[in-house]
């Protein structure tokens, strides 16, 4: 990917990036409910493993996966890894703050670190905000810097290829309509 194309993709992704920032703030104060076929709790190491048709809900946030591993560090920060699920993909959905719009995302694995506010989508990664969307083999969103990185290779690598390229779709906004801050 040449420098001009890379800059365009990054600018386009910035249009999508604020979706996580503008997620329903009220969700944070809602209880977390998790349903699964099985749960394994390791209180000593602060690890919870949920398996089998896992559904996590917190307000408008929903995460669906085959397996969800949640760990907590000594300072109380949590890290979650969701894998598998329908079609081998973990999925999330959350309403945007103050809008009747939803952000949907999926990947074979989704990781979120609450301390760093870093979310990563691995393999067959896809994030959709309203009608705008981005696809790649890896998507990383940094909630602190409000930036995206999307690559056509696994684990943030770039593979020189005409196939398997990053795809971005940005829908035109209606005249007078402010661009949504995704």
N, C-alpha and C. Protein backbone atom coordinates (compact mmCIF):
# COMPACT_ATOMS: atom_id res chain seq x y z
N UNK A 1 0.87 -1.17 0.00
CA UNK A 1 0.00 0.00 0.00
C UNK A 1 0.91 1.22 0.00
N UNK A 2 0.72 2.13 -0.98
CA UNK A 2 1.58 3.30 -1.03
C UNK A 2 1.18 4.31 0.04
N UNK A 3 2.03 5.30 0.26
CA UNK A 3 1.84 6.26 1.35
C UNK A 3 0.54 7.05 1.19
N UNK A 4 0.21 7.50 -0.01
CA UNK A 4 -1.03 8.25 -0.24
C UNK A 4 -2.25 7.40 0.06
N UNK A 5 -2.25 6.16 -0.41
CA UNK A 5 -3.38 5.25 -0.16
C UNK A 5 -3.50 4.98 1.34
N UNK A 6 -2.38 4.75 2.01
CA UNK A 6 -2.38 4.49 3.45
C UNK A 6 -2.94 5.70 4.20
N UNK A 7 -2.55 6.91 3.81
CA UNK A 7 -3.07 8.11 4.48
C UNK A 7 -4.57 8.24 4.25
N UNK A 8 -5.06 7.94 3.04
CA UNK A 8 -6.49 8.00 2.77
C UNK A 8 -7.24 7.01 3.65
N UNK A 9 -6.71 5.78 3.74
CA UNK A 9 -7.36 4.76 4.56
C UNK A 9 -7.39 5.21 6.02
N UNK A 10 -6.29 5.76 6.51
CA UNK A 10 -6.27 6.21 7.91
C UNK A 10 -7.25 7.35 8.13
N UNK A 11 -7.34 8.28 7.18
CA UNK A 11 -8.32 9.36 7.32
C UNK A 11 -9.74 8.82 7.28
N UNK A 12 -9.98 7.87 6.40
CA UNK A 12 -11.31 7.27 6.32
C UNK A 12 -11.64 6.55 7.62
N UNK A 13 -10.66 5.87 8.17
CA UNK A 13 -10.89 5.15 9.42
C UNK A 13 -11.12 6.10 10.58
N UNK A 14 -10.50 7.26 10.54
CA UNK A 14 -10.76 8.24 11.59
C UNK A 14 -12.23 8.65 11.58
N UNK A 15 -12.84 8.64 10.41
CA UNK A 15 -14.27 8.95 10.34
C UNK A 15 -15.08 7.91 11.08
N UNK A 16 -14.58 6.68 11.15
CA UNK A 16 -15.27 5.61 11.87
C UNK A 16 -14.86 5.55 13.33
N UNK A 17 -13.72 6.10 13.67
CA UNK A 17 -13.09 5.82 14.96
C UNK A 17 -13.86 6.28 16.18
N UNK A 18 -14.63 7.31 16.10
CA UNK A 18 -15.25 7.81 17.31
C UNK A 18 -16.45 7.00 17.74
N UNK A 19 -16.78 5.93 17.02
CA UNK A 19 -17.91 5.10 17.42
C UNK A 19 -17.73 4.57 18.82
N UNK A 20 -16.54 4.15 19.18
CA UNK A 20 -16.33 3.61 20.51
C UNK A 20 -16.39 4.73 21.54
N UNK A 21 -15.91 5.91 21.19
CA UNK A 21 -15.91 7.03 22.10
C UNK A 21 -17.33 7.48 22.39
N UNK A 22 -18.21 7.42 21.41
CA UNK A 22 -19.57 7.89 21.58
C UNK A 22 -20.56 6.77 21.87
N UNK A 23 -20.07 5.63 22.37
CA UNK A 23 -20.96 4.55 22.79
C UNK A 23 -21.78 5.06 23.97
N UNK A 24 -22.92 4.44 24.18
CA UNK A 24 -23.82 4.84 25.27
C UNK A 24 -23.06 4.91 26.59
N UNK A 25 -22.90 6.12 27.13
CA UNK A 25 -22.18 6.30 28.39
C UNK A 25 -22.91 5.63 29.54
N UNK A 26 -24.23 5.58 29.47
CA UNK A 26 -25.01 4.96 30.54
C UNK A 26 -24.70 3.47 30.66
N UNK A 27 -24.20 2.85 29.58
CA UNK A 27 -23.89 1.41 29.63
C UNK A 27 -22.88 1.09 30.73
N UNK A 28 -21.93 2.00 30.96
CA UNK A 28 -20.87 1.75 31.93
C UNK A 28 -21.40 1.54 33.35
N UNK A 29 -22.54 2.15 33.66
CA UNK A 29 -23.08 2.03 35.01
C UNK A 29 -24.11 0.91 35.14
N UNK A 30 -24.35 0.20 34.05
CA UNK A 30 -25.32 -0.91 34.06
C UNK A 30 -24.62 -2.20 34.49
N UNK A 31 -25.39 -3.13 35.04
CA UNK A 31 -24.79 -4.41 35.41
C UNK A 31 -24.40 -5.21 34.18
N UNK A 32 -23.39 -6.04 34.33
CA UNK A 32 -22.96 -6.95 33.27
C UNK A 32 -23.65 -8.28 33.52
N UNK A 33 -24.35 -8.79 32.51
CA UNK A 33 -25.00 -10.09 32.58
C UNK A 33 -24.35 -11.00 31.56
N UNK A 34 -24.00 -12.21 31.99
CA UNK A 34 -23.37 -13.16 31.08
C UNK A 34 -24.11 -14.48 31.17
N UNK A 35 -24.47 -15.01 30.00
CA UNK A 35 -25.08 -16.33 29.90
C UNK A 35 -24.12 -17.23 29.15
N UNK A 36 -24.00 -18.48 29.59
CA UNK A 36 -23.13 -19.44 28.93
C UNK A 36 -23.57 -20.85 29.32
N UNK A 37 -23.09 -21.84 28.59
CA UNK A 37 -23.38 -23.22 28.93
C UNK A 37 -22.51 -23.68 30.11
N UNK A 38 -21.35 -23.03 30.29
CA UNK A 38 -20.42 -23.44 31.34
C UNK A 38 -19.58 -22.24 31.76
N UNK A 39 -19.26 -22.14 33.04
CA UNK A 39 -18.35 -21.11 33.53
C UNK A 39 -17.34 -21.76 34.46
N UNK A 40 -16.08 -21.34 34.31
CA UNK A 40 -15.01 -21.77 35.20
C UNK A 40 -14.45 -20.51 35.86
N UNK A 41 -14.42 -20.50 37.20
CA UNK A 41 -13.95 -19.34 37.94
C UNK A 41 -12.69 -19.69 38.70
N UNK A 42 -11.65 -18.88 38.49
CA UNK A 42 -10.39 -19.02 39.22
C UNK A 42 -10.22 -17.72 40.00
N UNK A 43 -10.78 -17.68 41.23
CA UNK A 43 -10.72 -16.46 42.05
C UNK A 43 -9.30 -16.07 42.41
N UNK A 44 -8.44 -17.05 42.65
CA UNK A 44 -7.07 -16.75 43.04
C UNK A 44 -6.35 -15.94 41.95
N UNK A 45 -6.51 -16.37 40.69
CA UNK A 45 -5.84 -15.69 39.59
C UNK A 45 -6.73 -14.67 38.89
N UNK A 46 -7.95 -14.50 39.38
CA UNK A 46 -8.93 -13.53 38.84
C UNK A 46 -9.19 -13.76 37.36
N UNK A 47 -9.53 -15.01 37.02
CA UNK A 47 -9.85 -15.38 35.64
C UNK A 47 -11.20 -16.07 35.62
N UNK A 48 -12.08 -15.63 34.70
CA UNK A 48 -13.38 -16.25 34.49
C UNK A 48 -13.43 -16.72 33.04
N UNK A 49 -13.80 -17.97 32.84
CA UNK A 49 -13.90 -18.52 31.49
C UNK A 49 -15.34 -18.95 31.26
N UNK A 50 -15.97 -18.34 30.26
CA UNK A 50 -17.35 -18.65 29.89
C UNK A 50 -17.30 -19.39 28.56
N UNK A 51 -18.02 -20.52 28.47
CA UNK A 51 -17.98 -21.32 27.25
C UNK A 51 -19.37 -21.74 26.82
N UNK A 52 -19.57 -21.84 25.52
CA UNK A 52 -20.80 -22.34 24.94
C UNK A 52 -21.90 -21.30 24.82
N UNK A 53 -22.10 -20.81 23.61
CA UNK A 53 -23.17 -19.84 23.31
C UNK A 53 -23.16 -18.68 24.32
N UNK A 54 -22.01 -18.05 24.47
CA UNK A 54 -21.84 -16.97 25.45
C UNK A 54 -22.53 -15.70 24.93
N UNK A 55 -23.31 -15.08 25.82
CA UNK A 55 -23.94 -13.79 25.51
C UNK A 55 -23.68 -12.87 26.69
N UNK A 56 -22.92 -11.80 26.46
CA UNK A 56 -22.67 -10.79 27.46
C UNK A 56 -23.49 -9.57 27.11
N UNK A 57 -24.21 -9.02 28.07
CA UNK A 57 -24.95 -7.78 27.85
C UNK A 57 -24.63 -6.81 28.97
N UNK A 58 -24.53 -5.55 28.61
CA UNK A 58 -24.38 -4.45 29.56
C UNK A 58 -25.02 -3.24 28.92
N UNK A 59 -26.24 -2.92 29.34
CA UNK A 59 -26.98 -1.84 28.69
C UNK A 59 -27.24 -2.19 27.24
N UNK A 60 -26.78 -1.34 26.33
CA UNK A 60 -26.99 -1.60 24.90
C UNK A 60 -25.90 -2.46 24.28
N UNK A 61 -24.84 -2.75 25.04
CA UNK A 61 -23.73 -3.56 24.54
C UNK A 61 -24.09 -5.04 24.59
N UNK A 62 -23.86 -5.74 23.49
CA UNK A 62 -24.02 -7.20 23.45
C UNK A 62 -22.79 -7.80 22.79
N UNK A 63 -22.22 -8.83 23.41
CA UNK A 63 -21.12 -9.58 22.83
C UNK A 63 -21.55 -11.03 22.77
N UNK A 64 -21.42 -11.65 21.59
CA UNK A 64 -21.76 -13.06 21.39
C UNK A 64 -20.51 -13.79 20.94
N UNK A 65 -20.24 -14.92 21.60
CA UNK A 65 -19.06 -15.70 21.23
C UNK A 65 -19.24 -17.14 21.70
N UNK A 66 -18.30 -17.98 21.31
CA UNK A 66 -18.31 -19.35 21.78
C UNK A 66 -17.58 -19.45 23.11
N UNK A 67 -16.58 -18.57 23.28
CA UNK A 67 -15.79 -18.57 24.51
C UNK A 67 -15.40 -17.14 24.85
N UNK A 68 -15.48 -16.81 26.13
CA UNK A 68 -15.09 -15.49 26.62
C UNK A 68 -14.23 -15.69 27.85
N UNK A 69 -13.01 -15.16 27.81
CA UNK A 69 -12.10 -15.24 28.94
C UNK A 69 -11.90 -13.82 29.46
N UNK A 70 -12.24 -13.61 30.74
CA UNK A 70 -12.10 -12.30 31.36
C UNK A 70 -11.10 -12.43 32.50
N UNK A 71 -10.05 -11.60 32.47
CA UNK A 71 -9.07 -11.58 33.54
C UNK A 71 -8.99 -10.18 34.12
N UNK A 72 -8.53 -10.12 35.36
CA UNK A 72 -8.44 -8.83 36.05
C UNK A 72 -7.06 -8.71 36.66
N UNK A 73 -6.42 -7.53 36.48
CA UNK A 73 -5.09 -7.34 37.06
C UNK A 73 -5.22 -6.88 38.51
N UNK A 74 -4.09 -6.69 39.17
CA UNK A 74 -4.07 -6.33 40.59
C UNK A 74 -4.73 -4.98 40.86
N UNK A 75 -4.78 -4.12 39.86
CA UNK A 75 -5.38 -2.80 40.04
C UNK A 75 -6.85 -2.77 39.65
N UNK A 76 -7.40 -3.92 39.24
CA UNK A 76 -8.83 -4.00 38.94
C UNK A 76 -9.18 -3.80 37.48
N UNK A 77 -8.19 -3.58 36.63
CA UNK A 77 -8.48 -3.43 35.20
C UNK A 77 -8.77 -4.79 34.59
N UNK A 78 -9.75 -4.84 33.69
CA UNK A 78 -10.12 -6.10 33.07
C UNK A 78 -9.66 -6.19 31.63
N UNK A 79 -9.43 -7.42 31.22
CA UNK A 79 -9.06 -7.72 29.84
C UNK A 79 -9.93 -8.88 29.40
N UNK A 80 -10.56 -8.75 28.24
CA UNK A 80 -11.42 -9.80 27.74
C UNK A 80 -10.99 -10.29 26.38
N UNK A 81 -11.16 -11.60 26.17
CA UNK A 81 -10.88 -12.20 24.87
C UNK A 81 -12.08 -13.05 24.50
N UNK A 82 -12.76 -12.66 23.41
CA UNK A 82 -13.92 -13.39 22.91
C UNK A 82 -13.52 -14.11 21.63
N UNK A 83 -13.89 -15.40 21.51
CA UNK A 83 -13.53 -16.16 20.32
C UNK A 83 -14.72 -16.96 19.81
N UNK A 84 -14.63 -17.31 18.54
CA UNK A 84 -15.60 -18.22 17.92
C UNK A 84 -17.01 -17.68 17.90
N UNK A 85 -17.95 -18.58 17.99
CA UNK A 85 -19.36 -18.19 17.92
C UNK A 85 -19.93 -18.53 16.57
N UNK A 86 -20.99 -17.81 16.20
CA UNK A 86 -21.68 -18.06 14.92
C UNK A 86 -20.70 -17.91 13.75
N UNK A 87 -20.61 -18.92 12.93
CA UNK A 87 -19.72 -18.86 11.76
C UNK A 87 -18.26 -18.72 12.14
N UNK A 88 -17.91 -19.09 13.36
CA UNK A 88 -16.53 -18.98 13.81
C UNK A 88 -16.14 -17.57 14.18
N UNK A 89 -17.12 -16.66 14.32
CA UNK A 89 -16.82 -15.26 14.62
C UNK A 89 -17.40 -14.86 15.97
N UNK A 90 -16.65 -14.03 16.69
CA UNK A 90 -17.18 -13.35 17.88
C UNK A 90 -17.79 -12.04 17.37
N UNK A 91 -18.90 -11.63 17.98
CA UNK A 91 -19.61 -10.44 17.50
C UNK A 91 -19.94 -9.50 18.65
N UNK A 92 -19.94 -8.19 18.34
CA UNK A 92 -20.41 -7.23 19.34
C UNK A 92 -21.36 -6.25 18.67
N UNK A 93 -22.20 -5.63 19.49
CA UNK A 93 -23.11 -4.59 19.01
C UNK A 93 -23.33 -3.62 20.15
N UNK A 94 -23.30 -2.30 19.84
CA UNK A 94 -23.54 -1.28 20.85
C UNK A 94 -24.13 -0.03 20.21
N UNK A 95 -25.09 0.57 20.91
CA UNK A 95 -25.75 1.79 20.45
C UNK A 95 -24.81 2.97 20.67
N UNK A 96 -24.85 3.92 19.74
CA UNK A 96 -24.07 5.14 19.87
C UNK A 96 -24.78 6.12 20.79
N UNK A 97 -24.02 6.90 21.50
CA UNK A 97 -24.54 7.89 22.44
C UNK A 97 -25.41 8.91 21.72
N UNK A 98 -26.66 9.05 22.18
CA UNK A 98 -27.55 10.10 21.69
C UNK A 98 -28.02 9.93 20.26
N UNK A 99 -27.82 8.78 19.65
CA UNK A 99 -28.22 8.57 18.26
C UNK A 99 -28.94 7.25 18.14
N UNK A 100 -29.76 7.13 17.12
CA UNK A 100 -30.41 5.86 16.85
C UNK A 100 -29.55 5.09 15.84
N UNK A 101 -28.28 4.95 16.17
CA UNK A 101 -27.32 4.25 15.31
C UNK A 101 -26.58 3.22 16.15
N UNK A 102 -26.15 2.17 15.48
CA UNK A 102 -25.46 1.08 16.15
C UNK A 102 -24.09 0.86 15.53
N UNK A 103 -23.15 0.40 16.35
CA UNK A 103 -21.85 -0.03 15.88
C UNK A 103 -21.82 -1.54 16.04
N UNK A 104 -21.49 -2.24 14.95
CA UNK A 104 -21.40 -3.70 14.95
C UNK A 104 -19.97 -4.07 14.57
N UNK A 105 -19.45 -5.11 15.19
CA UNK A 105 -18.11 -5.58 14.86
C UNK A 105 -18.02 -7.07 15.01
N UNK A 106 -17.06 -7.66 14.30
CA UNK A 106 -16.86 -9.10 14.39
C UNK A 106 -15.44 -9.46 14.00
N UNK A 107 -15.02 -10.62 14.46
CA UNK A 107 -13.71 -11.17 14.13
C UNK A 107 -13.64 -12.57 14.73
N UNK A 108 -12.70 -13.36 14.26
CA UNK A 108 -12.54 -14.69 14.85
C UNK A 108 -12.14 -14.57 16.32
N UNK A 109 -11.44 -13.48 16.65
CA UNK A 109 -11.09 -13.19 18.03
C UNK A 109 -11.20 -11.68 18.24
N UNK A 110 -11.80 -11.28 19.36
CA UNK A 110 -11.88 -9.88 19.73
C UNK A 110 -11.24 -9.75 21.11
N UNK A 111 -10.28 -8.82 21.23
CA UNK A 111 -9.63 -8.59 22.52
C UNK A 111 -9.84 -7.14 22.92
N UNK A 112 -10.12 -6.93 24.21
CA UNK A 112 -10.25 -5.56 24.72
C UNK A 112 -9.51 -5.47 26.04
N UNK A 113 -8.67 -4.45 26.15
CA UNK A 113 -7.91 -4.17 27.37
C UNK A 113 -8.43 -2.86 27.94
N UNK A 114 -9.11 -2.92 29.10
CA UNK A 114 -9.70 -1.73 29.70
C UNK A 114 -8.64 -0.74 30.17
N UNK A 115 -7.48 -1.22 30.57
CA UNK A 115 -6.41 -0.32 31.04
C UNK A 115 -5.92 0.58 29.91
N UNK A 116 -5.60 -0.02 28.77
CA UNK A 116 -5.06 0.75 27.65
C UNK A 116 -6.15 1.28 26.72
N UNK A 117 -7.39 0.82 26.92
CA UNK A 117 -8.52 1.15 26.04
C UNK A 117 -8.22 0.75 24.60
N UNK A 118 -7.59 -0.39 24.45
CA UNK A 118 -7.23 -0.91 23.14
C UNK A 118 -8.14 -2.08 22.80
N UNK A 119 -8.80 -2.01 21.64
CA UNK A 119 -9.64 -3.10 21.15
C UNK A 119 -9.01 -3.62 19.87
N UNK A 120 -8.95 -4.95 19.74
CA UNK A 120 -8.36 -5.57 18.56
C UNK A 120 -9.28 -6.66 18.02
N UNK A 121 -9.40 -6.71 16.70
CA UNK A 121 -10.21 -7.70 16.01
C UNK A 121 -9.27 -8.48 15.10
N UNK A 122 -9.28 -9.81 15.23
CA UNK A 122 -8.34 -10.65 14.50
C UNK A 122 -9.07 -11.54 13.51
N UNK A 123 -8.52 -11.67 12.30
CA UNK A 123 -9.01 -12.56 11.25
C UNK A 123 -10.47 -12.28 10.89
N UNK A 124 -10.70 -12.00 9.62
CA UNK A 124 -12.03 -11.68 9.10
C UNK A 124 -12.67 -10.55 9.91
N UNK A 125 -11.87 -9.54 10.23
CA UNK A 125 -12.31 -8.42 11.06
C UNK A 125 -13.21 -7.48 10.25
N UNK A 126 -14.25 -7.00 10.91
CA UNK A 126 -15.23 -6.14 10.25
C UNK A 126 -15.87 -5.24 11.31
N UNK A 127 -15.88 -3.94 11.07
CA UNK A 127 -16.56 -2.99 11.95
C UNK A 127 -17.46 -2.14 11.08
N UNK A 128 -18.73 -2.02 11.50
CA UNK A 128 -19.72 -1.24 10.77
C UNK A 128 -20.33 -0.22 11.71
N UNK A 129 -20.36 1.04 11.25
CA UNK A 129 -20.94 2.13 12.02
C UNK A 129 -21.99 2.79 11.13
N UNK A 130 -23.27 2.52 11.40
CA UNK A 130 -24.31 3.00 10.50
C UNK A 130 -24.11 2.33 9.16
N UNK A 131 -23.96 3.13 8.09
CA UNK A 131 -23.73 2.58 6.75
C UNK A 131 -22.25 2.53 6.38
N UNK A 132 -21.39 3.09 7.23
CA UNK A 132 -19.95 3.08 6.97
C UNK A 132 -19.35 1.81 7.55
N UNK A 133 -18.36 1.25 6.83
CA UNK A 133 -17.75 0.03 7.35
C UNK A 133 -16.32 -0.13 6.88
N UNK A 134 -15.59 -0.98 7.63
CA UNK A 134 -14.21 -1.27 7.30
C UNK A 134 -13.99 -2.77 7.51
N UNK A 135 -13.17 -3.37 6.62
CA UNK A 135 -12.86 -4.80 6.69
C UNK A 135 -11.36 -4.99 6.50
N UNK A 136 -10.84 -5.97 7.20
CA UNK A 136 -9.44 -6.34 7.06
C UNK A 136 -9.20 -7.62 7.83
N UNK A 137 -7.96 -8.06 7.86
CA UNK A 137 -7.63 -9.24 8.65
C UNK A 137 -7.33 -8.86 10.09
N UNK A 138 -7.05 -7.57 10.32
CA UNK A 138 -6.75 -7.09 11.66
C UNK A 138 -7.23 -5.65 11.77
N UNK A 139 -7.97 -5.36 12.84
CA UNK A 139 -8.39 -3.99 13.13
C UNK A 139 -8.03 -3.71 14.58
N UNK A 140 -7.36 -2.59 14.79
CA UNK A 140 -7.03 -2.15 16.14
C UNK A 140 -7.61 -0.76 16.35
N UNK A 141 -8.31 -0.57 17.46
CA UNK A 141 -8.84 0.74 17.79
C UNK A 141 -8.29 1.16 19.14
N UNK A 142 -7.68 2.34 19.19
CA UNK A 142 -7.13 2.89 20.43
C UNK A 142 -8.11 3.93 20.94
N UNK A 143 -8.78 3.65 22.06
CA UNK A 143 -9.77 4.56 22.62
C UNK A 143 -9.18 5.82 23.20
N UNK A 144 -7.91 5.81 23.57
CA UNK A 144 -7.25 6.98 24.13
C UNK A 144 -6.93 7.98 23.02
N UNK A 145 -6.31 7.49 21.94
CA UNK A 145 -5.91 8.38 20.85
C UNK A 145 -6.98 8.49 19.77
N UNK A 146 -8.04 7.67 19.89
CA UNK A 146 -9.14 7.64 18.91
C UNK A 146 -8.63 7.39 17.50
N UNK A 147 -7.77 6.38 17.37
CA UNK A 147 -7.21 6.05 16.07
C UNK A 147 -7.42 4.57 15.75
N UNK A 148 -7.48 4.28 14.46
CA UNK A 148 -7.61 2.92 13.95
C UNK A 148 -6.34 2.54 13.21
N UNK A 149 -6.04 1.25 13.21
CA UNK A 149 -5.07 0.66 12.30
C UNK A 149 -5.76 -0.57 11.72
N UNK A 150 -5.76 -0.69 10.41
CA UNK A 150 -6.37 -1.84 9.75
C UNK A 150 -5.35 -2.38 8.76
N UNK A 151 -5.15 -3.70 8.81
CA UNK A 151 -4.19 -4.30 7.88
C UNK A 151 -4.82 -5.49 7.16
N UNK A 152 -4.19 -5.87 6.07
CA UNK A 152 -4.68 -7.02 5.30
C UNK A 152 -4.01 -8.32 5.72
N UNK A 153 -3.12 -8.25 6.70
CA UNK A 153 -2.45 -9.45 7.21
C UNK A 153 -2.73 -9.63 8.69
N UNK A 154 -2.42 -10.79 9.21
CA UNK A 154 -2.70 -11.05 10.62
C UNK A 154 -1.80 -10.24 11.56
N UNK A 155 -2.31 -9.94 12.73
CA UNK A 155 -1.54 -9.29 13.80
C UNK A 155 -0.82 -8.03 13.36
N UNK A 156 -1.53 -7.17 12.65
CA UNK A 156 -1.03 -5.86 12.23
C UNK A 156 0.05 -5.92 11.16
N UNK A 157 0.16 -7.04 10.45
CA UNK A 157 1.12 -7.12 9.36
C UNK A 157 0.45 -6.72 8.05
N UNK A 158 1.25 -6.29 7.11
CA UNK A 158 0.76 -5.94 5.79
C UNK A 158 1.38 -6.90 4.79
N UNK A 159 0.52 -7.48 3.95
CA UNK A 159 0.98 -8.43 2.95
C UNK A 159 0.82 -7.78 1.58
N UNK A 160 1.92 -7.62 0.83
CA UNK A 160 1.80 -7.03 -0.51
C UNK A 160 0.96 -7.95 -1.39
N UNK A 161 -0.20 -7.47 -1.79
CA UNK A 161 -1.10 -8.32 -2.56
C UNK A 161 -2.21 -7.48 -3.16
N UNK A 162 -2.72 -7.92 -4.27
CA UNK A 162 -3.88 -7.28 -4.85
C UNK A 162 -5.16 -7.89 -4.30
N UNK A 163 -5.04 -9.08 -3.72
CA UNK A 163 -6.18 -9.73 -3.10
C UNK A 163 -6.06 -9.60 -1.59
N UNK A 164 -7.16 -9.68 -0.89
CA UNK A 164 -7.13 -9.59 0.55
C UNK A 164 -6.73 -8.23 1.05
N UNK A 165 -7.14 -7.19 0.34
CA UNK A 165 -6.80 -5.83 0.74
C UNK A 165 -7.79 -5.30 1.75
N UNK A 166 -7.43 -4.26 2.47
CA UNK A 166 -8.32 -3.58 3.39
C UNK A 166 -9.42 -2.92 2.56
N UNK A 167 -10.65 -2.99 3.05
CA UNK A 167 -11.79 -2.38 2.34
C UNK A 167 -12.49 -1.39 3.26
N UNK A 168 -12.73 -0.19 2.76
CA UNK A 168 -13.41 0.86 3.52
C UNK A 168 -14.55 1.39 2.68
N UNK A 169 -15.73 1.51 3.28
CA UNK A 169 -16.88 2.11 2.61
C UNK A 169 -17.38 3.27 3.48
N UNK A 170 -17.38 4.46 2.91
CA UNK A 170 -17.88 5.64 3.61
C UNK A 170 -19.03 6.20 2.78
N UNK A 171 -20.21 6.20 3.35
CA UNK A 171 -21.39 6.68 2.64
C UNK A 171 -21.42 8.20 2.64
N UNK A 172 -21.91 8.80 1.53
CA UNK A 172 -22.03 10.25 1.50
C UNK A 172 -23.07 10.70 2.53
N UNK A 173 -22.81 11.85 3.11
CA UNK A 173 -23.73 12.41 4.10
C UNK A 173 -24.68 13.36 3.37
N UNK A 174 -25.91 13.43 3.85
CA UNK A 174 -26.89 14.33 3.26
C UNK A 174 -26.49 15.77 3.52
N UNK A 175 -26.81 16.64 2.56
CA UNK A 175 -26.48 18.05 2.69
C UNK A 175 -27.10 18.60 3.99
N UNK A 176 -26.29 19.31 4.75
CA UNK A 176 -26.76 19.86 6.01
C UNK A 176 -26.65 18.89 7.17
N UNK A 177 -26.35 17.64 6.88
CA UNK A 177 -26.21 16.65 7.94
C UNK A 177 -24.76 16.61 8.36
N UNK A 178 -24.54 16.72 9.63
CA UNK A 178 -23.16 16.67 10.13
C UNK A 178 -22.65 15.24 9.96
N UNK A 179 -21.39 15.14 9.61
CA UNK A 179 -20.77 13.82 9.51
C UNK A 179 -20.82 13.19 10.88
N UNK A 180 -21.30 11.97 10.97
CA UNK A 180 -21.31 11.35 12.29
C UNK A 180 -19.90 11.09 12.73
N UNK A 181 -19.68 11.30 13.99
CA UNK A 181 -18.38 10.95 14.54
C UNK A 181 -18.52 9.53 15.00
N UNK A 182 -18.12 8.57 14.13
CA UNK A 182 -18.34 7.15 14.41
C UNK A 182 -17.74 6.67 15.68
